[in-house]
Each structure stands twice: as C-alpha cells, then as structure tokens.
Amino acid sequence: MSEEDALRQAAEELEIDPAYLPELRDMLRTDRSSWRACCGMLCTPCVLDLGRAIDRTRSLIAAEG
C-alpha cells in the first residue's frame, strides 16, 4: 500500500474530511513533537483526531512492509 493510499484509508476510517489530507501529509513527515497541541475548544477535527489518523497511516504502511 502506498503512503497516499494508507493516508486516505486512515482518514476515511476515522471520518476525517479529505480536505485535511494536505495537513495530514505534512504531519506524516514531521515529528510528533512539532505538531500543534489540542486547544480544548472542541475543534472538528481535533489535532488529536489527526494524530490518530497519522498513527493509523503508519500502522497500515508497516503492515505492508
């Protein structure tokens, strides 16, 4: 599975709008310590949801390897 396919699948599984794929691509290529923190304002999607999508993307990629 390609990185892009894994990213799209993770976003779909977690019901994250495809409009956030550019943000997810950036997050996938950066260290977690550089990600924004949750602000607690109930944003949709929350940065924590985006982080879960990145974790899922990485697990999908690892399962293929």
PDB file of N, CA and C in Angstrom:
ATOM      1  N   MET A   1       0.854  -1.179   0.000  1.00  0.00           N
ATOM      2  CA  MET A   1       0.000   0.000   0.000  1.00  0.00           C
ATOM      3  C   MET A   1       0.898   1.239   0.000  1.00  0.00           C
ATOM      4  N   SER A   2       0.584   2.169  -0.841  1.00  0.00           N
ATOM      5  CA  SER A   2       1.380   3.397  -0.904  1.00  0.00           C
ATOM      6  C   SER A   2       1.065   4.278   0.305  1.00  0.00           C
ATOM      7  N   GLU A   3       1.957   5.208   0.584  1.00  0.00           N
ATOM      8  CA  GLU A   3       1.743   6.158   1.668  1.00  0.00           C
ATOM      9  C   GLU A   3       0.444   6.928   1.453  1.00  0.00           C
ATOM     10  N   GLU A   4       0.206   7.345   0.219  1.00  0.00           N
ATOM     11  CA  GLU A   4      -1.001   8.114  -0.093  1.00  0.00           C
ATOM     12  C   GLU A   4      -2.261   7.275   0.127  1.00  0.00           C
ATOM     13  N   ASP A   5      -2.232   6.019  -0.314  1.00  0.00           N
ATOM     14  CA  ASP A   5      -3.384   5.141  -0.113  1.00  0.00           C
ATOM     15  C   ASP A   5      -3.638   4.910   1.373  1.00  0.00           C
ATOM     16  N   ALA A   6      -2.564   4.707   2.138  1.00  0.00           N
ATOM     17  CA  ALA A   6      -2.699   4.493   3.578  1.00  0.00           C
ATOM     18  C   ALA A   6      -3.279   5.736   4.249  1.00  0.00           C
ATOM     19  N   LEU A   7      -2.813   6.895   3.829  1.00  0.00           N
ATOM     20  CA  LEU A   7      -3.300   8.151   4.390  1.00  0.00           C
ATOM     21  C   LEU A   7      -4.786   8.333   4.099  1.00  0.00           C
ATOM     22  N   ARG A   8      -5.173   8.077   2.878  1.00  0.00           N
ATOM     23  CA  ARG A   8      -6.587   8.202   2.506  1.00  0.00           C
ATOM     24  C   ARG A   8      -7.459   7.203   3.254  1.00  0.00           C
ATOM     25  N   GLN A   9      -6.976   5.971   3.386  1.00  0.00           N
ATOM     26  CA  GLN A   9      -7.741   4.953   4.101  1.00  0.00           C
ATOM     27  C   GLN A   9      -7.908   5.325   5.566  1.00  0.00           C
ATOM     28  N   ALA A  10      -6.830   5.773   6.193  1.00  0.00           N
ATOM     29  CA  ALA A  10      -6.900   6.166   7.604  1.00  0.00           C
ATOM     30  C   ALA A  10      -7.887   7.318   7.795  1.00  0.00           C
ATOM     31  N   ALA A  11      -7.821   8.303   6.925  1.00  0.00           N
ATOM     32  CA  ALA A  11      -8.746   9.443   7.026  1.00  0.00           C
ATOM     33  C   ALA A  11     -10.188   8.971   6.872  1.00  0.00           C
ATOM     34  N   GLU A  12     -10.411   8.078   5.935  1.00  0.00           N
ATOM     35  CA  GLU A  12     -11.772   7.565   5.730  1.00  0.00           C
ATOM     36  C   GLU A  12     -12.244   6.779   6.949  1.00  0.00           C
ATOM     37  N   GLU A  13     -11.393   5.899   7.473  1.00  0.00           N
ATOM     38  CA  GLU A  13     -11.766   5.101   8.641  1.00  0.00           C
ATOM     39  C   GLU A  13     -12.126   5.968   9.836  1.00  0.00           C
ATOM     40  N   LEU A  14     -11.405   7.065   9.996  1.00  0.00           N
ATOM     41  CA  LEU A  14     -11.617   7.941  11.148  1.00  0.00           C
ATOM     42  C   LEU A  14     -12.547   9.113  10.833  1.00  0.00           C
ATOM     43  N   GLU A  15     -13.155   9.059   9.648  1.00  0.00           N
ATOM     44  CA  GLU A  15     -14.145  10.043   9.220  1.00  0.00           C
ATOM     45  C   GLU A  15     -13.594  11.471   9.235  1.00  0.00           C
ATOM     46  N   ILE A  16     -12.377  11.603   8.720  1.00  0.00           N
ATOM     47  CA  ILE A  16     -11.755  12.917   8.580  1.00  0.00           C
ATOM     48  C   ILE A  16     -11.948  13.378   7.139  1.00  0.00           C
ATOM     49  N   ASP A  17     -12.468  14.567   6.985  1.00  0.00           N
ATOM     50  CA  ASP A  17     -12.745  15.124   5.664  1.00  0.00           C
ATOM     51  C   ASP A  17     -11.480  15.126   4.803  1.00  0.00           C
ATOM     52  N   PRO A  18     -11.593  14.684   3.550  1.00  0.00           N
ATOM     53  CA  PRO A  18     -10.431  14.684   2.652  1.00  0.00           C
ATOM     54  C   PRO A  18      -9.777  16.058   2.481  1.00  0.00           C
ATOM     55  N   ALA A  19     -10.484  17.119   2.800  1.00  0.00           N
ATOM     56  CA  ALA A  19      -9.897  18.460   2.723  1.00  0.00           C
ATOM     57  C   ALA A  19      -8.700  18.594   3.666  1.00  0.00           C
ATOM     58  N   TYR A  20      -8.594  17.716   4.662  1.00  0.00           N
ATOM     59  CA  TYR A  20      -7.494  17.762   5.616  1.00  0.00           C
ATOM     60  C   TYR A  20      -6.299  16.911   5.185  1.00  0.00           C
ATOM     61  N   LEU A  21      -6.375  16.280   4.027  1.00  0.00           N
ATOM     62  CA  LEU A  21      -5.256  15.449   3.574  1.00  0.00           C
ATOM     63  C   LEU A  21      -3.938  16.219   3.462  1.00  0.00           C
ATOM     64  N   PRO A  22      -3.919  17.461   2.967  1.00  0.00           N
ATOM     65  CA  PRO A  22      -2.636  18.185   2.947  1.00  0.00           C
ATOM     66  C   PRO A  22      -2.029  18.349   4.347  1.00  0.00           C
ATOM     67  N   GLU A  23      -2.851  18.655   5.321  1.00  0.00           N
ATOM     68  CA  GLU A  23      -2.374  18.781   6.699  1.00  0.00           C
ATOM     69  C   GLU A  23      -1.851  17.433   7.201  1.00  0.00           C
ATOM     70  N   LEU A  24      -2.579  16.363   6.885  1.00  0.00           N
ATOM     71  CA  LEU A  24      -2.142  15.038   7.300  1.00  0.00           C
ATOM     72  C   LEU A  24      -0.815  14.656   6.644  1.00  0.00           C
ATOM     73  N   ARG A  25      -0.656  14.996   5.376  1.00  0.00           N
ATOM     74  CA  ARG A  25       0.619  14.717   4.685  1.00  0.00           C
ATOM     75  C   ARG A  25       1.771  15.422   5.397  1.00  0.00           C
ATOM     76  N   ASP A  26       1.560  16.675   5.765  1.00  0.00           N
ATOM     77  CA  ASP A  26       2.598  17.423   6.486  1.00  0.00           C
ATOM     78  C   ASP A  26       2.901  16.770   7.831  1.00  0.00           C
ATOM     79  N   MET A  27       1.872  16.377   8.540  1.00  0.00           N
ATOM     80  CA  MET A  27       2.060  15.747   9.843  1.00  0.00           C
ATOM     81  C   MET A  27       2.806  14.419   9.716  1.00  0.00           C
ATOM     82  N   LEU A  28       2.514  13.684   8.667  1.00  0.00           N
ATOM     83  CA  LEU A  28       3.150  12.384   8.459  1.00  0.00           C
ATOM     84  C   LEU A  28       4.665  12.535   8.303  1.00  0.00           C
ATOM     85  N   ARG A  29       5.086  13.654   7.800  1.00  0.00           N
ATOM     86  CA  ARG A  29       6.509  13.880   7.504  1.00  0.00           C
ATOM     87  C   ARG A  29       7.247  14.659   8.598  1.00  0.00           C
ATOM     88  N   THR A  30       6.541  14.962   9.690  1.00  0.00           N
ATOM     89  CA  THR A  30       7.183  15.706  10.766  1.00  0.00           C
ATOM     90  C   THR A  30       7.101  14.925  12.072  1.00  0.00           C
ATOM     91  N   ASP A  31       7.958  15.285  12.991  1.00  0.00           N
ATOM     92  CA  ASP A  31       7.990  14.654  14.303  1.00  0.00           C
ATOM     93  C   ASP A  31       6.778  15.104  15.123  1.00  0.00           C
ATOM     94  N   ARG A  32       6.237  14.180  15.869  1.00  0.00           N
ATOM     95  CA  ARG A  32       5.059  14.466  16.698  1.00  0.00           C
ATOM     96  C   ARG A  32       5.280  15.679  17.614  1.00  0.00           C
ATOM     97  N   SER A  33       6.490  15.885  18.069  1.00  0.00           N
ATOM     98  CA  SER A  33       6.766  17.000  18.987  1.00  0.00           C
ATOM     99  C   SER A  33       6.539  18.367  18.329  1.00  0.00           C
ATOM    100  N   SER A  34       6.513  18.410  16.999  1.00  0.00           N
ATOM    101  CA  SER A  34       6.299  19.683  16.305  1.00  0.00           C
ATOM    102  C   SER A  34       4.824  19.936  15.964  1.00  0.00           C
ATOM    103  N   TRP A  35       3.957  18.978  16.271  1.00  0.00           N
ATOM    104  CA  TRP A  35       2.533  19.153  15.977  1.00  0.00           C
ATOM    105  C   TRP A  35       1.917  20.134  16.967  1.00  0.00           C
ATOM    106  N   ARG A  36       0.867  20.795  16.516  1.00  0.00           N
ATOM    107  CA  ARG A  36       0.111  21.668  17.418  1.00  0.00           C
ATOM    108  C   ARG A  36      -0.505  20.833  18.534  1.00  0.00           C
ATOM    109  N   ALA A  37      -0.698  21.450  19.666  1.00  0.00           N
ATOM    110  CA  ALA A  37      -1.348  20.784  20.791  1.00  0.00           C
ATOM    111  C   ALA A  37      -2.859  21.011  20.713  1.00  0.00           C
ATOM    112  N   CYS A  38      -3.600  20.131  21.320  1.00  0.00           N
ATOM    113  CA  CYS A  38      -5.052  20.305  21.412  1.00  0.00           C
ATOM    114  C   CYS A  38      -5.334  21.553  22.242  1.00  0.00           C
ATOM    115  N   CYS A  39      -6.229  22.384  21.740  1.00  0.00           N
ATOM    116  CA  CYS A  39      -6.551  23.639  22.430  1.00  0.00           C
ATOM    117  C   CYS A  39      -7.726  23.487  23.391  1.00  0.00           C
ATOM    118  N   GLY A  40      -8.423  22.355  23.323  1.00  0.00           N
ATOM    119  CA  GLY A  40      -9.544  22.125  24.213  1.00  0.00           C
ATOM    120  C   GLY A  40     -10.831  22.823  23.812  1.00  0.00           C
ATOM    121  N   MET A  41     -10.886  23.358  22.590  1.00  0.00           N
ATOM    122  CA  MET A  41     -12.061  24.110  22.145  1.00  0.00           C
ATOM    123  C   MET A  41     -13.029  23.266  21.306  1.00  0.00           C
ATOM    124  N   LEU A  42     -12.866  21.947  21.335  1.00  0.00           N
ATOM    125  CA  LEU A  42     -13.749  21.009  20.628  1.00  0.00           C
ATOM    126  C   LEU A  42     -13.748  21.220  19.114  1.00  0.00           C
ATOM    127  N   CYS A  43     -12.565  21.487  18.568  1.00  0.00           N
ATOM    128  CA  CYS A  43     -12.417  21.648  17.118  1.00  0.00           C
ATOM    129  C   CYS A  43     -12.759  20.340  16.411  1.00  0.00           C
ATOM    130  N   THR A  44     -13.215  20.472  15.186  1.00  0.00           N
ATOM    131  CA  THR A  44     -13.505  19.292  14.380  1.00  0.00           C
ATOM    132  C   THR A  44     -12.828  19.438  13.038  1.00  0.00           C
ATOM    133  N   PRO A  45     -11.848  18.632  12.710  1.00  0.00           N
ATOM    134  CA  PRO A  45     -11.307  17.596  13.589  1.00  0.00           C
ATOM    135  C   PRO A  45     -10.294  18.201  14.558  1.00  0.00           C
ATOM    136  N   CYS A  46     -10.206  17.574  15.694  1.00  0.00           N
ATOM    137  CA  CYS A  46      -9.211  17.962  16.691  1.00  0.00           C
ATOM    138  C   CYS A  46      -7.848  17.469  16.220  1.00  0.00           C
ATOM    139  N   VAL A  47      -6.811  18.161  16.620  1.00  0.00           N
ATOM    140  CA  VAL A  47      -5.461  17.726  16.272  1.00  0.00           C
ATOM    141  C   VAL A  47      -5.208  16.310  16.808  1.00  0.00           C
ATOM    142  N   LEU A  48      -5.886  15.927  17.874  1.00  0.00           N
ATOM    143  CA  LEU A  48      -5.742  14.564  18.391  1.00  0.00           C
ATOM    144  C   LEU A  48      -6.323  13.551  17.403  1.00  0.00           C
ATOM    145  N   ASP A  49      -7.433  13.910  16.743  1.00  0.00           N
ATOM    146  CA  ASP A  49      -8.012  13.043  15.711  1.00  0.00           C
ATOM    147  C   ASP A  49      -7.053  12.919  14.532  1.00  0.00           C
ATOM    148  N   LEU A  50      -6.442  14.032  14.154  1.00  0.00           N
ATOM    149  CA  LEU A  50      -5.479  13.998  13.060  1.00  0.00           C
ATOM    150  C   LEU A  50      -4.282  13.118  13.442  1.00  0.00           C
ATOM    151  N   GLY A  51      -3.858  13.210  14.686  1.00  0.00           N
ATOM    152  CA  GLY A  51      -2.769  12.365  15.163  1.00  0.00           C
ATOM    153  C   GLY A  51      -3.122  10.888  15.111  1.00  0.00           C
ATOM    154  N   ARG A  52      -4.364  10.559  15.453  1.00  0.00           N
ATOM    155  CA  ARG A  52      -4.809   9.160  15.355  1.00  0.00           C
ATOM    156  C   ARG A  52      -4.779   8.689  13.901  1.00  0.00           C
ATOM    157  N   ALA A  53      -5.120   9.575  12.992  1.00  0.00           N
ATOM    158  CA  ALA A  53      -5.063   9.230  11.570  1.00  0.00           C
ATOM    159  C   ALA A  53      -3.623   8.951  11.137  1.00  0.00           C
ATOM    160  N   ILE A  54      -2.683   9.727  11.655  1.00  0.00           N
ATOM    161  CA  ILE A  54      -1.276   9.502  11.330  1.00  0.00           C
ATOM    162  C   ILE A  54      -0.816   8.177  11.915  1.00  0.00           C
ATOM    163  N   ASP A  55      -1.205   7.883  13.151  1.00  0.00           N
ATOM    164  CA  ASP A  55      -0.850   6.594  13.750  1.00  0.00           C
ATOM    165  C   ASP A  55      -1.404   5.439  12.921  1.00  0.00           C
ATOM    166  N   ARG A  56      -2.644   5.580  12.481  1.00  0.00           N
ATOM    167  CA  ARG A  56      -3.269   4.530  11.666  1.00  0.00           C
ATOM    168  C   ARG A  56      -2.567   4.410  10.322  1.00  0.00           C
ATOM    169  N   THR A  57      -2.216   5.527   9.717  1.00  0.00           N
ATOM    170  CA  THR A  57      -1.483   5.511   8.449  1.00  0.00           C
ATOM    171  C   THR A  57      -0.179   4.746   8.603  1.00  0.00           C
ATOM    172  N   ARG A  58       0.550   5.057   9.648  1.00  0.00           N
ATOM    173  CA  ARG A  58       1.835   4.390   9.885  1.00  0.00           C
ATOM    174  C   ARG A  58       1.660   2.893  10.111  1.00  0.00           C
ATOM    175  N   SER A  59       0.589   2.506  10.803  1.00  0.00           N
ATOM    176  CA  SER A  59       0.370   1.080  11.024  1.00  0.00           C
ATOM    177  C   SER A  59      -0.005   0.368   9.725  1.00  0.00           C
ATOM    178  N   LEU A  60      -0.763   1.033   8.876  1.00  0.00           N
ATOM    179  CA  LEU A  60      -1.108   0.437   7.581  1.00  0.00           C
ATOM    180  C   LEU A  60       0.147   0.261   6.714  1.00  0.00           C
ATOM    181  N   ILE A  61       1.013   1.254   6.729  1.00  0.00           N
ATOM    182  CA  ILE A  61       2.260   1.167   5.954  1.00  0.00           C
ATOM    183  C   ILE A  61       3.146   0.052   6.496  1.00  0.00           C
ATOM    184  N   ALA A  62       3.254  -0.036   7.829  1.00  0.00           N
ATOM    185  CA  ALA A  62       4.097  -1.054   8.463  1.00  0.00           C
ATOM    186  C   ALA A  62       3.574  -2.462   8.183  1.00  0.00           C
ATOM    187  N   ALA A  63       2.261  -2.611   8.128  1.00  0.00           N
ATOM    188  CA  ALA A  63       1.669  -3.932   7.872  1.00  0.00           C
ATOM    189  C   ALA A  63       2.011  -4.437   6.474  1.00  0.00           C
ATOM    190  N   GLU A  64       2.236  -3.507   5.562  1.00  0.00           N
ATOM    191  CA  GLU A  64       2.577  -3.870   4.199  1.00  0.00           C
ATOM    192  C   GLU A  64       4.055  -4.258   4.072  1.00  0.00           C
ATOM    193  N   GLY A  65       4.874  -3.708   4.969  1.00  0.00           N
ATOM    194  CA  GLY A  65       6.330  -3.885   4.866  1.00  0.00           C
ATOM    195  C   GLY A  65       6.769  -5.164   5.421  1.00  0.00           C
TER     196      GLY A  65
END
